[in-house]
Amino acid sequence: MDDSVDDRRYLVVVNDEEQYSVWPVGGELPLGWRSTGMTGDRAACLAHIDEVWTDLRPRGLREWLSSNG
């Protein structure tokens, strides 16, 4: 078996700070994370994250900077 081939399905998840990650479909999500509804292979999920997560700063920092800047 080729270990470099990953044919599992993944789910794109996001936390309250609007940070994104991937999680195996069917696995219990870690505390504080929720599904975005996007599923696919790992490459598709990571491509989706690259497209939607354009500001890597945590939400709390963005809000603080906008109110103190």
Protein backbone atom coordinates (compact mmCIF):
# COMPACT_ATOMS: atom_id res chain seq x y z
CA MET A 1 0.00 0.00 0.00
CA ASP A 2 1.24 3.49 -0.88
CA ASP A 3 1.22 5.56 2.33
CA SER A 4 1.30 8.81 0.35
CA VAL A 5 -2.20 8.19 -1.02
CA ASP A 6 -4.90 9.46 1.32
CA ASP A 7 -8.36 8.54 0.06
CA ARG A 8 -10.19 9.53 3.25
CA ARG A 9 -12.91 12.19 3.24
CA TYR A 10 -12.37 15.37 5.22
CA LEU A 11 -14.49 18.16 6.59
CA VAL A 12 -13.44 21.81 6.76
CA VAL A 13 -13.89 23.09 10.31
CA VAL A 14 -13.60 26.54 11.87
CA ASN A 15 -13.29 27.76 15.45
CA ASP A 16 -14.59 30.89 17.20
CA GLU A 17 -11.42 32.78 16.23
CA GLU A 18 -12.21 31.99 12.56
CA GLN A 19 -9.18 29.73 12.17
CA TYR A 20 -9.67 26.83 9.74
CA SER A 21 -8.56 23.22 9.70
CA VAL A 22 -9.49 19.84 8.23
CA TRP A 23 -10.94 16.92 10.19
CA PRO A 24 -11.74 13.37 9.09
CA VAL A 25 -15.43 12.91 8.22
CA GLY A 26 -17.18 10.88 10.90
CA GLY A 27 -14.77 11.82 13.65
CA GLU A 28 -16.00 13.73 16.66
CA LEU A 29 -15.06 17.38 16.28
CA PRO A 30 -12.71 18.85 18.87
CA LEU A 31 -14.29 21.16 21.44
CA GLY A 32 -14.65 24.67 20.05
CA TRP A 33 -14.71 23.67 16.37
CA ARG A 34 -17.70 23.51 14.03
CA SER A 35 -18.28 22.30 10.50
CA THR A 36 -18.38 24.73 7.59
CA GLY A 37 -20.25 22.17 5.50
CA MET A 38 -17.39 21.70 3.02
CA THR A 39 -16.27 18.08 2.57
CA GLY A 40 -13.94 16.39 0.13
CA ASP A 41 -10.53 14.86 -0.15
CA ARG A 42 -7.73 16.52 1.78
CA ALA A 43 -6.44 18.48 -1.22
CA ALA A 44 -9.89 19.90 -2.04
CA CYS A 45 -10.48 20.90 1.58
CA LEU A 46 -7.09 22.60 1.84
CA ALA A 47 -7.71 24.42 -1.46
CA HIS A 48 -11.05 25.64 -0.08
CA ILE A 49 -9.33 26.90 3.08
CA ASP A 50 -6.75 28.75 0.96
CA GLU A 51 -9.61 30.44 -0.88
CA VAL A 52 -11.72 31.50 2.11
CA TRP A 53 -9.16 32.12 4.87
CA THR A 54 -7.59 35.28 3.51
CA ASP A 55 -6.70 36.96 6.81
CA LEU A 56 -4.79 34.56 9.05
CA ARG A 57 -4.99 36.78 12.12
CA PRO A 58 -7.37 35.44 14.80
CA ARG A 59 -10.76 37.21 14.88
CA GLY A 60 -10.09 38.65 18.35
CA LEU A 61 -6.88 40.30 17.17
CA ARG A 62 -8.58 41.74 14.06
CA GLU A 63 -11.38 43.16 16.19
CA TRP A 64 -8.94 44.63 18.71
CA LEU A 65 -6.86 46.23 15.98
CA SER A 66 -9.91 47.74 14.28
CA SER A 67 -11.15 49.28 17.55
CA ASN A 68 -7.70 50.51 18.64
CA GLY A 69 -6.27 51.56 15.32
